[in-house]
Amino acid sequence: MAEHKKYKIIVSDRAKRMLGMHIRFMAQVNKEAAMAKKKEIMAAMRSLAQMPQRFPFFDEPYITPNKYHKMLVEKWYLVLYQIQDNSVYVDYILDCRKEYGWIGN
């Protein structure tokens, strides 16, 4: 059986802050649900170590074409990442219930 290439996952400080904001907000209502959601998002990001190309590109008019891949986590969270060489760079973790027209700025 062929070996699959393993990618290194690098989460930007901005993405870490975004995740922290989402989890802190959720924790105000339900701490257990917030911790479960954090584990779920972290597991999804770790899964990018194998075949990160499996998710489509994020095609929006204000984003450079074919720059970011998008991974939807449980309907509400969108993880935007780039693949460069042997690394996956997670740049954004977005709550899909909000408007993010500022991303392209």
PDB file of N, CA and C in Angstrom:
ATOM      1  N   MET A   1       0.840  -1.182   0.000  1.00  0.00           N
ATOM      2  CA  MET A   1       0.000   0.000   0.000  1.00  0.00           C
ATOM      3  C   MET A   1       0.882   1.241   0.000  1.00  0.00           C
ATOM      4  N   ALA A   2       0.558   2.221  -0.809  1.00  0.00           N
ATOM      5  CA  ALA A   2       1.355   3.438  -0.920  1.00  0.00           C
ATOM      6  C   ALA A   2       1.212   4.309   0.323  1.00  0.00           C
ATOM      7  N   GLU A   3       2.316   4.941   0.696  1.00  0.00           N
ATOM      8  CA  GLU A   3       2.276   5.846   1.842  1.00  0.00           C
ATOM      9  C   GLU A   3       1.713   7.178   1.402  1.00  0.00           C
ATOM     10  N   HIS A   4       0.884   7.749   2.280  1.00  0.00           N
ATOM     11  CA  HIS A   4       0.338   9.068   1.998  1.00  0.00           C
ATOM     12  C   HIS A   4       1.255  10.119   2.591  1.00  0.00           C
ATOM     13  N   LYS A   5       1.414  11.186   1.852  1.00  0.00           N
ATOM     14  CA  LYS A   5       2.234  12.301   2.301  1.00  0.00           C
ATOM     15  C   LYS A   5       1.581  12.942   3.528  1.00  0.00           C
ATOM     16  N   LYS A   6       2.370  13.265   4.536  1.00  0.00           N
ATOM     17  CA  LYS A   6       1.888  13.946   5.736  1.00  0.00           C
ATOM     18  C   LYS A   6       2.283  15.409   5.647  1.00  0.00           C
ATOM     19  N   TYR A   7       1.342  16.287   5.912  1.00  0.00           N
ATOM     20  CA  TYR A   7       1.586  17.720   5.897  1.00  0.00           C
ATOM     21  C   TYR A   7       1.677  18.246   7.322  1.00  0.00           C
ATOM     22  N   LYS A   8       2.504  19.249   7.494  1.00  0.00           N
ATOM     23  CA  LYS A   8       2.617  19.926   8.782  1.00  0.00           C
ATOM     24  C   LYS A   8       1.516  20.983   8.842  1.00  0.00           C
ATOM     25  N   ILE A   9       0.797  21.050   9.948  1.00  0.00           N
ATOM     26  CA  ILE A   9      -0.286  22.017  10.121  1.00  0.00           C
ATOM     27  C   ILE A   9       0.256  23.209  10.902  1.00  0.00           C
ATOM     28  N   ILE A  10       0.115  24.396  10.338  1.00  0.00           N
ATOM     29  CA  ILE A  10       0.548  25.633  10.991  1.00  0.00           C
ATOM     30  C   ILE A  10      -0.670  26.550  11.092  1.00  0.00           C
ATOM     31  N   VAL A  11      -1.055  26.860  12.316  1.00  0.00           N
ATOM     32  CA  VAL A  11      -2.230  27.702  12.561  1.00  0.00           C
ATOM     33  C   VAL A  11      -1.737  29.109  12.881  1.00  0.00           C
ATOM     34  N   SER A  12      -2.199  30.082  12.119  1.00  0.00           N
ATOM     35  CA  SER A  12      -1.756  31.466  12.322  1.00  0.00           C
ATOM     36  C   SER A  12      -2.266  32.011  13.655  1.00  0.00           C
ATOM     37  N   ASP A  13      -1.588  33.026  14.144  1.00  0.00           N
ATOM     38  CA  ASP A  13      -2.037  33.684  15.374  1.00  0.00           C
ATOM     39  C   ASP A  13      -3.449  34.235  15.200  1.00  0.00           C
ATOM     40  N   ARG A  14      -3.737  34.772  14.024  1.00  0.00           N
ATOM     41  CA  ARG A  14      -5.073  35.318  13.751  1.00  0.00           C
ATOM     42  C   ARG A  14      -6.123  34.216  13.865  1.00  0.00           C
ATOM     43  N   ALA A  15      -5.858  33.049  13.285  1.00  0.00           N
ATOM     44  CA  ALA A  15      -6.819  31.940  13.350  1.00  0.00           C
ATOM     45  C   ALA A  15      -6.996  31.473  14.796  1.00  0.00           C
ATOM     46  N   LYS A  16      -5.908  31.437  15.564  1.00  0.00           N
ATOM     47  CA  LYS A  16      -6.006  31.059  16.980  1.00  0.00           C
ATOM     48  C   LYS A  16      -6.879  32.044  17.743  1.00  0.00           C
ATOM     49  N   ARG A  17      -6.691  33.337  17.465  1.00  0.00           N
ATOM     50  CA  ARG A  17      -7.527  34.359  18.126  1.00  0.00           C
ATOM     51  C   ARG A  17      -8.996  34.200  17.731  1.00  0.00           C
ATOM     52  N   MET A  18      -9.237  33.931  16.456  1.00  0.00           N
ATOM     53  CA  MET A  18     -10.614  33.759  15.980  1.00  0.00           C
ATOM     54  C   MET A  18     -11.272  32.572  16.679  1.00  0.00           C
ATOM     55  N   LEU A  19     -10.557  31.460  16.768  1.00  0.00           N
ATOM     56  CA  LEU A  19     -11.091  30.284  17.445  1.00  0.00           C
ATOM     57  C   LEU A  19     -11.354  30.611  18.916  1.00  0.00           C
ATOM     58  N   GLY A  20     -10.421  31.284  19.562  1.00  0.00           N
ATOM     59  CA  GLY A  20     -10.596  31.660  20.960  1.00  0.00           C
ATOM     60  C   GLY A  20     -11.832  32.513  21.179  1.00  0.00           C
ATOM     61  N   MET A  21     -12.070  33.463  20.280  1.00  0.00           N
ATOM     62  CA  MET A  21     -13.269  34.320  20.398  1.00  0.00           C
ATOM     63  C   MET A  21     -14.534  33.485  20.286  1.00  0.00           C
ATOM     64  N   HIS A  22     -14.581  32.562  19.328  1.00  0.00           N
ATOM     65  CA  HIS A  22     -15.769  31.722  19.138  1.00  0.00           C
ATOM     66  C   HIS A  22     -16.025  30.874  20.383  1.00  0.00           C
ATOM     67  N   ILE A  23     -14.959  30.271  20.899  1.00  0.00           N
ATOM     68  CA  ILE A  23     -15.107  29.366  22.042  1.00  0.00           C
ATOM     69  C   ILE A  23     -15.496  30.142  23.301  1.00  0.00           C
ATOM     70  N   ARG A  24     -14.872  31.303  23.536  1.00  0.00           N
ATOM     71  CA  ARG A  24     -15.245  32.120  24.704  1.00  0.00           C
ATOM     72  C   ARG A  24     -16.705  32.544  24.638  1.00  0.00           C
ATOM     73  N   PHE A  25     -17.156  32.912  23.448  1.00  0.00           N
ATOM     74  CA  PHE A  25     -18.559  33.315  23.292  1.00  0.00           C
ATOM     75  C   PHE A  25     -19.493  32.147  23.622  1.00  0.00           C
ATOM     76  N   MET A  26     -19.184  30.975  23.067  1.00  0.00           N
ATOM     77  CA  MET A  26     -20.008  29.787  23.340  1.00  0.00           C
ATOM     78  C   MET A  26     -19.994  29.422  24.824  1.00  0.00           C
ATOM     79  N   ALA A  27     -18.827  29.576  25.458  1.00  0.00           N
ATOM     80  CA  ALA A  27     -18.680  29.185  26.858  1.00  0.00           C
ATOM     81  C   ALA A  27     -19.546  30.026  27.790  1.00  0.00           C
ATOM     82  N   GLN A  28     -19.919  31.218  27.361  1.00  0.00           N
ATOM     83  CA  GLN A  28     -20.806  32.061  28.170  1.00  0.00           C
ATOM     84  C   GLN A  28     -22.176  31.407  28.320  1.00  0.00           C
ATOM     85  N   VAL A  29     -22.541  30.596  27.341  1.00  0.00           N
ATOM     86  CA  VAL A  29     -23.835  29.912  27.357  1.00  0.00           C
ATOM     87  C   VAL A  29     -23.698  28.488  27.884  1.00  0.00           C
ATOM     88  N   ASN A  30     -22.673  27.768  27.366  1.00  0.00           N
ATOM     89  CA  ASN A  30     -22.523  26.356  27.724  1.00  0.00           C
ATOM     90  C   ASN A  30     -21.054  25.958  27.611  1.00  0.00           C
ATOM     91  N   LYS A  31     -20.379  25.826  28.744  1.00  0.00           N
ATOM     92  CA  LYS A  31     -18.945  25.516  28.742  1.00  0.00           C
ATOM     93  C   LYS A  31     -18.646  24.156  28.136  1.00  0.00           C
ATOM     94  N   GLU A  32     -19.484  23.159  28.429  1.00  0.00           N
ATOM     95  CA  GLU A  32     -19.241  21.815  27.884  1.00  0.00           C
ATOM     96  C   GLU A  32     -19.358  21.815  26.359  1.00  0.00           C
ATOM     97  N   ALA A  33     -20.374  22.494  25.852  1.00  0.00           N
ATOM     98  CA  ALA A  33     -20.555  22.572  24.398  1.00  0.00           C
ATOM     99  C   ALA A  33     -19.385  23.316  23.750  1.00  0.00           C
ATOM    100  N   ALA A  34     -18.904  24.356  24.421  1.00  0.00           N
ATOM    101  CA  ALA A  34     -17.777  25.121  23.893  1.00  0.00           C
ATOM    102  C   ALA A  34     -16.522  24.253  23.799  1.00  0.00           C
ATOM    103  N   MET A  35     -16.246  23.482  24.829  1.00  0.00           N
ATOM    104  CA  MET A  35     -15.069  22.613  24.809  1.00  0.00           C
ATOM    105  C   MET A  35     -15.207  21.519  23.756  1.00  0.00           C
ATOM    106  N   ALA A  36     -16.411  20.988  23.615  1.00  0.00           N
ATOM    107  CA  ALA A  36     -16.646  19.960  22.594  1.00  0.00           C
ATOM    108  C   ALA A  36     -16.446  20.544  21.198  1.00  0.00           C
ATOM    109  N   LYS A  37     -16.918  21.767  20.989  1.00  0.00           N
ATOM    110  CA  LYS A  37     -16.767  22.413  19.681  1.00  0.00           C
ATOM    111  C   LYS A  37     -15.292  22.677  19.388  1.00  0.00           C
ATOM    112  N   LYS A  38     -14.543  23.113  20.405  1.00  0.00           N
ATOM    113  CA  LYS A  38     -13.114  23.356  20.214  1.00  0.00           C
ATOM    114  C   LYS A  38     -12.402  22.063  19.813  1.00  0.00           C
ATOM    115  N   LYS A  39     -12.710  20.964  20.507  1.00  0.00           N
ATOM    116  CA  LYS A  39     -12.101  19.672  20.173  1.00  0.00           C
ATOM    117  C   LYS A  39     -12.440  19.258  18.748  1.00  0.00           C
ATOM    118  N   GLU A  40     -13.676  19.487  18.359  1.00  0.00           N
ATOM    119  CA  GLU A  40     -14.129  19.128  17.013  1.00  0.00           C
ATOM    120  C   GLU A  40     -13.380  19.923  15.942  1.00  0.00           C
ATOM    121  N   ILE A  41     -13.249  21.221  16.154  1.00  0.00           N
ATOM    122  CA  ILE A  41     -12.556  22.068  15.182  1.00  0.00           C
ATOM    123  C   ILE A  41     -11.074  21.707  15.128  1.00  0.00           C
ATOM    124  N   MET A  42     -10.467  21.472  16.289  1.00  0.00           N
ATOM    125  CA  MET A  42      -9.057  21.086  16.325  1.00  0.00           C
ATOM    126  C   MET A  42      -8.825  19.752  15.612  1.00  0.00           C
ATOM    127  N   ALA A  43      -9.711  18.790  15.818  1.00  0.00           N
ATOM    128  CA  ALA A  43      -9.592  17.490  15.148  1.00  0.00           C
ATOM    129  C   ALA A  43      -9.730  17.657  13.634  1.00  0.00           C
ATOM    130  N   ALA A  44     -10.652  18.514  13.212  1.00  0.00           N
ATOM    131  CA  ALA A  44     -10.828  18.756  11.781  1.00  0.00           C
ATOM    132  C   ALA A  44      -9.557  19.360  11.186  1.00  0.00           C
ATOM    133  N   MET A  45      -8.958  20.318  11.894  1.00  0.00           N
ATOM    134  CA  MET A  45      -7.721  20.924  11.391  1.00  0.00           C
ATOM    135  C   MET A  45      -6.584  19.904  11.357  1.00  0.00           C
ATOM    136  N   ARG A  46      -6.486  19.048  12.376  1.00  0.00           N
ATOM    137  CA  ARG A  46      -5.447  18.011  12.377  1.00  0.00           C
ATOM    138  C   ARG A  46      -5.627  17.053  11.207  1.00  0.00           C
ATOM    139  N   SER A  47      -6.875  16.844  10.793  1.00  0.00           N
ATOM    140  CA  SER A  47      -7.132  15.921   9.676  1.00  0.00           C
ATOM    141  C   SER A  47      -6.530  16.434   8.370  1.00  0.00           C
ATOM    142  N   LEU A  48      -6.219  17.721   8.316  1.00  0.00           N
ATOM    143  CA  LEU A  48      -5.622  18.290   7.103  1.00  0.00           C
ATOM    144  C   LEU A  48      -4.200  17.793   6.870  1.00  0.00           C
ATOM    145  N   ALA A  49      -3.625  17.111   7.845  1.00  0.00           N
ATOM    146  CA  ALA A  49      -2.280  16.544   7.682  1.00  0.00           C
ATOM    147  C   ALA A  49      -2.274  15.490   6.576  1.00  0.00           C
ATOM    148  N   GLN A  50      -3.433  14.931   6.289  1.00  0.00           N
ATOM    149  CA  GLN A  50      -3.556  13.939   5.223  1.00  0.00           C
ATOM    150  C   GLN A  50      -4.509  14.472   4.158  1.00  0.00           C
ATOM    151  N   MET A  51      -4.063  14.501   2.956  1.00  0.00           N
ATOM    152  CA  MET A  51      -4.863  14.900   1.793  1.00  0.00           C
ATOM    153  C   MET A  51      -5.616  16.220   1.970  1.00  0.00           C
ATOM    154  N   PRO A  52      -4.926  17.316   2.258  1.00  0.00           N
ATOM    155  CA  PRO A  52      -5.622  18.591   2.429  1.00  0.00           C
ATOM    156  C   PRO A  52      -6.267  19.098   1.134  1.00  0.00           C
ATOM    157  N   GLN A  53      -5.863  18.534   0.008  1.00  0.00           N
ATOM    158  CA  GLN A  53      -6.433  18.935  -1.284  1.00  0.00           C
ATOM    159  C   GLN A  53      -7.871  18.446  -1.455  1.00  0.00           C
ATOM    160  N   ARG A  54      -8.352  17.608  -0.537  1.00  0.00           N
ATOM    161  CA  ARG A  54      -9.684  17.020  -0.692  1.00  0.00           C
ATOM    162  C   ARG A  54     -10.801  18.052  -0.573  1.00  0.00           C
ATOM    163  N   PHE A  55     -10.484  19.229  -0.045  1.00  0.00           N
ATOM    164  CA  PHE A  55     -11.498  20.275   0.075  1.00  0.00           C
ATOM    165  C   PHE A  55     -11.346  21.275  -1.064  1.00  0.00           C
ATOM    166  N   PRO A  56     -12.464  21.840  -1.522  1.00  0.00           N
ATOM    167  CA  PRO A  56     -12.417  22.746  -2.677  1.00  0.00           C
ATOM    168  C   PRO A  56     -11.801  24.102  -2.335  1.00  0.00           C
ATOM    169  N   PHE A  57     -11.515  24.851  -3.384  1.00  0.00           N
ATOM    170  CA  PHE A  57     -11.030  26.210  -3.196  1.00  0.00           C
ATOM    171  C   PHE A  57     -12.166  27.113  -2.742  1.00  0.00           C
ATOM    172  N   PHE A  58     -11.822  28.146  -2.030  1.00  0.00           N
ATOM    173  CA  PHE A  58     -12.760  29.171  -1.565  1.00  0.00           C
ATOM    174  C   PHE A  58     -12.869  30.196  -2.681  1.00  0.00           C
ATOM    175  N   ASP A  59     -13.958  30.146  -3.420  1.00  0.00           N
ATOM    176  CA  ASP A  59     -14.145  31.027  -4.571  1.00  0.00           C
ATOM    177  C   ASP A  59     -15.074  32.173  -4.224  1.00  0.00           C
ATOM    178  N   GLU A  60     -14.492  33.310  -3.982  1.00  0.00           N
ATOM    179  CA  GLU A  60     -15.234  34.533  -3.716  1.00  0.00           C
ATOM    180  C   GLU A  60     -14.598  35.639  -4.543  1.00  0.00           C
ATOM    181  N   PRO A  61     -15.394  36.608  -4.980  1.00  0.00           N
ATOM    182  CA  PRO A  61     -14.852  37.656  -5.859  1.00  0.00           C
ATOM    183  C   PRO A  61     -13.710  38.461  -5.237  1.00  0.00           C
ATOM    184  N   TYR A  62     -13.685  38.600  -3.930  1.00  0.00           N
ATOM    185  CA  TYR A  62     -12.680  39.447  -3.279  1.00  0.00           C
ATOM    186  C   TYR A  62     -11.458  38.662  -2.797  1.00  0.00           C
ATOM    187  N   ILE A  63     -11.371  37.375  -3.144  1.00  0.00           N
ATOM    188  CA  ILE A  63     -10.241  36.533  -2.748  1.00  0.00           C
ATOM    189  C   ILE A  63      -9.478  36.108  -4.003  1.00  0.00           C
ATOM    190  N   THR A  64      -8.157  36.106  -3.924  1.00  0.00           N
ATOM    191  CA  THR A  64      -7.338  35.634  -5.042  1.00  0.00           C
ATOM    192  C   THR A  64      -7.756  34.208  -5.398  1.00  0.00           C
ATOM    193  N   PRO A  65      -8.081  33.948  -6.673  1.00  0.00           N
ATOM    194  CA  PRO A  65      -8.513  32.600  -7.071  1.00  0.00           C
ATOM    195  C   PRO A  65      -7.470  31.542  -6.722  1.00  0.00           C
ATOM    196  N   ASN A  66      -7.957  30.379  -6.303  1.00  0.00           N
ATOM    197  CA  ASN A  66      -7.123  29.219  -5.994  1.00  0.00           C
ATOM    198  C   ASN A  66      -6.070  29.477  -4.911  1.00  0.00           C
ATOM    199  N   LYS A  67      -6.356  30.404  -4.005  1.00  0.00           N
ATOM    200  CA  LYS A  67      -5.422  30.688  -2.911  1.00  0.00           C
ATOM    201  C   LYS A  67      -5.764  29.869  -1.669  1.00  0.00           C
ATOM    202  N   TYR A  68      -7.010  29.934  -1.250  1.00  0.00           N
ATOM    203  CA  TYR A  68      -7.437  29.253  -0.033  1.00  0.00           C
ATOM    204  C   TYR A  68      -8.342  28.065  -0.343  1.00  0.00           C
ATOM    205  N   HIS A  69      -8.146  26.998   0.392  1.00  0.00           N
ATOM    206  CA  HIS A  69      -9.099  25.891   0.404  1.00  0.00           C
ATOM    207  C   HIS A  69     -10.064  26.160   1.546  1.00  0.00           C
ATOM    208  N   LYS A  70     -11.259  25.596   1.456  1.00  0.00           N
ATOM    209  CA  LYS A  70     -12.247  25.794   2.515  1.00  0.00           C
ATOM    210  C   LYS A  70     -12.709  24.451   3.058  1.00  0.00           C
ATOM    211  N   MET A  71     -12.786  24.384   4.367  1.00  0.00           N
ATOM    212  CA  MET A  71     -13.283  23.188   5.037  1.00  0.00           C
ATOM    213  C   MET A  71     -14.410  23.650   5.967  1.00  0.00           C
ATOM    214  N   LEU A  72     -15.582  23.113   5.759  1.00  0.00           N
ATOM    215  CA  LEU A  72     -16.726  23.430   6.604  1.00  0.00           C
ATOM    216  C   LEU A  72     -16.760  22.440   7.762  1.00  0.00           C
ATOM    217  N   VAL A  73     -16.857  22.967   8.983  1.00  0.00           N
ATOM    218  CA  VAL A  73     -16.899  22.128  10.185  1.00  0.00           C
ATOM    219  C   VAL A  73     -18.261  22.313  10.831  1.00  0.00           C
ATOM    220  N   GLU A  74     -19.072  21.269  10.791  1.00  0.00           N
ATOM    221  CA  GLU A  74     -20.398  21.265  11.411  1.00  0.00           C
ATOM    222  C   GLU A  74     -21.259  22.466  11.046  1.00  0.00           C
ATOM    223  N   LYS A  75     -21.381  22.767   9.796  1.00  0.00           N
ATOM    224  CA  LYS A  75     -22.275  23.780   9.235  1.00  0.00           C
ATOM    225  C   LYS A  75     -21.928  25.219   9.597  1.00  0.00           C
ATOM    226  N   TRP A  76     -21.364  25.474  10.763  1.00  0.00           N
ATOM    227  CA  TRP A  76     -21.191  26.852  11.212  1.00  0.00           C
ATOM    228  C   TRP A  76     -19.797  27.399  11.059  1.00  0.00           C
ATOM    229  N   TYR A  77     -18.789  26.564  11.022  1.00  0.00           N
ATOM    230  CA  TYR A  77     -17.417  27.056  11.026  1.00  0.00           C
ATOM    231  C   TYR A  77     -16.711  26.734   9.721  1.00  0.00           C
ATOM    232  N   LEU A  78     -16.065  27.755   9.195  1.00  0.00           N
ATOM    233  CA  LEU A  78     -15.358  27.637   7.932  1.00  0.00           C
ATOM    234  C   LEU A  78     -13.872  27.853   8.211  1.00  0.00           C
ATOM    235  N   VAL A  79     -13.067  26.862   7.881  1.00  0.00           N
ATOM    236  CA  VAL A  79     -11.622  26.940   8.054  1.00  0.00           C
ATOM    237  C   VAL A  79     -11.024  27.206   6.675  1.00  0.00           C
ATOM    238  N   LEU A  80     -10.299  28.319   6.557  1.00  0.00           N
ATOM    239  CA  LEU A  80      -9.644  28.671   5.300  1.00  0.00           C
ATOM    240  C   LEU A  80      -8.148  28.441   5.456  1.00  0.00           C
ATOM    241  N   TYR A  81      -7.577  27.717   4.498  1.00  0.00           N
ATOM    242  CA  TYR A  81      -6.164  27.356   4.601  1.00  0.00           C
ATOM    243  C   TYR A  81      -5.513  27.314   3.229  1.00  0.00           C
ATOM    244  N   GLN A  82      -4.192  27.438   3.248  1.00  0.00           N
ATOM    245  CA  GLN A  82      -3.377  27.351   2.050  1.00  0.00           C
ATOM    246  C   GLN A  82      -2.458  26.136   2.168  1.00  0.00           C
ATOM    247  N   ILE A  83      -2.138  25.570   1.035  1.00  0.00           N
ATOM    248  CA  ILE A  83      -1.186  24.460   1.000  1.00  0.00           C
ATOM    249  C   ILE A  83       0.063  24.963   0.283  1.00  0.00           C
ATOM    250  N   GLN A  84       1.200  24.859   0.961  1.00  0.00           N
ATOM    251  CA  GLN A  84       2.470  25.250   0.352  1.00  0.00           C
ATOM    252  C   GLN A  84       3.506  24.187   0.696  1.00  0.00           C
ATOM    253  N   ASP A  85       4.032  23.570  -0.325  1.00  0.00           N
ATOM    254  CA  ASP A  85       5.020  22.500  -0.156  1.00  0.00           C
ATOM    255  C   ASP A  85       4.455  21.417   0.765  1.00  0.00           C
ATOM    256  N   ASN A  86       5.103  21.176   1.901  1.00  0.00           N
ATOM    257  CA  ASN A  86       4.668  20.122   2.828  1.00  0.00           C
ATOM    258  C   ASN A  86       3.900  20.677   4.031  1.00  0.00           C
ATOM    259  N   SER A  87       3.385  21.896   3.897  1.00  0.00           N
ATOM    260  CA  SER A  87       2.710  22.538   5.013  1.00  0.00           C
ATOM    261  C   SER A  87       1.315  23.007   4.635  1.00  0.00           C
ATOM    262  N   VAL A  88       0.445  22.989   5.634  1.00  0.00           N
ATOM    263  CA  VAL A  88      -0.903  23.542   5.517  1.00  0.00           C
ATOM    264  C   VAL A  88      -0.951  24.721   6.480  1.00  0.00           C
ATOM    265  N   TYR A  89      -1.278  25.892   5.950  1.00  0.00           N
ATOM    266  CA  TYR A  89      -1.342  27.109   6.752  1.00  0.00           C
ATOM    267  C   TYR A  89      -2.806  27.491   6.969  1.00  0.00           C
ATOM    268  N   VAL A  90      -3.280  27.343   8.195  1.00  0.00           N
ATOM    269  CA  VAL A  90      -4.644  27.733   8.538  1.00  0.00           C
ATOM    270  C   VAL A  90      -4.607  29.221   8.859  1.00  0.00           C
ATOM    271  N   ASP A  91      -5.323  30.018   8.059  1.00  0.00           N
ATOM    272  CA  ASP A  91      -5.283  31.470   8.222  1.00  0.00           C
ATOM    273  C   ASP A  91      -6.540  32.057   8.860  1.00  0.00           C
ATOM    274  N   TYR A  92      -7.677  31.412   8.649  1.00  0.00           N
ATOM    275  CA  TYR A  92      -8.942  31.941   9.174  1.00  0.00           C
ATOM    276  C   TYR A  92      -9.814  30.812   9.700  1.00  0.00           C
ATOM    277  N   ILE A  93     -10.518  31.079  10.784  1.00  0.00           N
ATOM    278  CA  ILE A  93     -11.581  30.204  11.283  1.00  0.00           C
ATOM    279  C   ILE A  93     -12.785  31.101  11.465  1.00  0.00           C
ATOM    280  N   LEU A  94     -13.746  30.963  10.570  1.00  0.00           N
ATOM    281  CA  LEU A  94     -14.880  31.884  10.504  1.00  0.00           C
ATOM    282  C   LEU A  94     -16.168  31.239  10.988  1.00  0.00           C
ATOM    283  N   ASP A  95     -16.978  32.032  11.628  1.00  0.00           N
ATOM    284  CA  ASP A  95     -18.331  31.632  11.993  1.00  0.00           C
ATOM    285  C   ASP A  95     -19.215  32.010  10.803  1.00  0.00           C
ATOM    286  N   CYS A  96     -19.789  31.040  10.136  1.00  0.00           N
ATOM    287  CA  CYS A  96     -20.549  31.280   8.903  1.00  0.00           C
ATOM    288  C   CYS A  96     -21.822  32.085   9.131  1.00  0.00           C
ATOM    289  N   ARG A  97     -22.190  32.275  10.368  1.00  0.00           N
ATOM    290  CA  ARG A  97     -23.396  33.059  10.645  1.00  0.00           C
ATOM    291  C   ARG A  97     -23.116  34.550  10.607  1.00  0.00           C
ATOM    292  N   LYS A  98     -21.864  34.939  10.397  1.00  0.00           N
ATOM    293  CA  LYS A  98     -21.484  36.355  10.352  1.00  0.00           C
ATOM    294  C   LYS A  98     -21.093  36.736   8.937  1.00  0.00           C
ATOM    295  N   GLU A  99     -21.042  38.019   8.674  1.00  0.00           N
ATOM    296  CA  GLU A  99     -20.652  38.562   7.378  1.00  0.00           C
ATOM    297  C   GLU A  99     -19.158  38.860   7.403  1.00  0.00           C
ATOM    298  N   TYR A 100     -18.415  38.377   6.393  1.00  0.00           N
ATOM    299  CA  TYR A 100     -16.971  38.571   6.371  1.00  0.00           C
ATOM    300  C   TYR A 100     -16.500  39.227   5.091  1.00  0.00           C
ATOM    301  N   GLY A 101     -17.143  40.280   4.668  1.00  0.00           N
ATOM    302  CA  GLY A 101     -16.712  40.989   3.473  1.00  0.00           C
ATOM    303  C   GLY A 101     -15.343  41.631   3.617  1.00  0.00           C
ATOM    304  N   TRP A 102     -14.867  41.791   4.851  1.00  0.00           N
ATOM    305  CA  TRP A 102     -13.577  42.428   5.117  1.00  0.00           C
ATOM    306  C   TRP A 102     -12.390  41.514   4.822  1.00  0.00           C
ATOM    307  N   ILE A 103     -12.603  40.222   4.575  1.00  0.00           N
ATOM    308  CA  ILE A 103     -11.493  39.288   4.370  1.00  0.00           C
ATOM    309  C   ILE A 103     -10.586  39.755   3.248  1.00  0.00           C
ATOM    310  N   GLY A 104     -11.171  40.252   2.196  1.00  0.00           N
ATOM    311  CA  GLY A 104     -10.377  40.641   1.044  1.00  0.00           C
ATOM    312  C   GLY A 104      -9.555  41.907   1.248  1.00  0.00           C
ATOM    313  N   ASN A 105      -9.770  42.599   2.341  1.00  0.00           N
ATOM    314  CA  ASN A 105      -9.056  43.854   2.594  1.00  0.00           C
ATOM    315  C   ASN A 105      -7.655  43.610   3.086  1.00  0.00           C
TER     316      ASN A 105
END
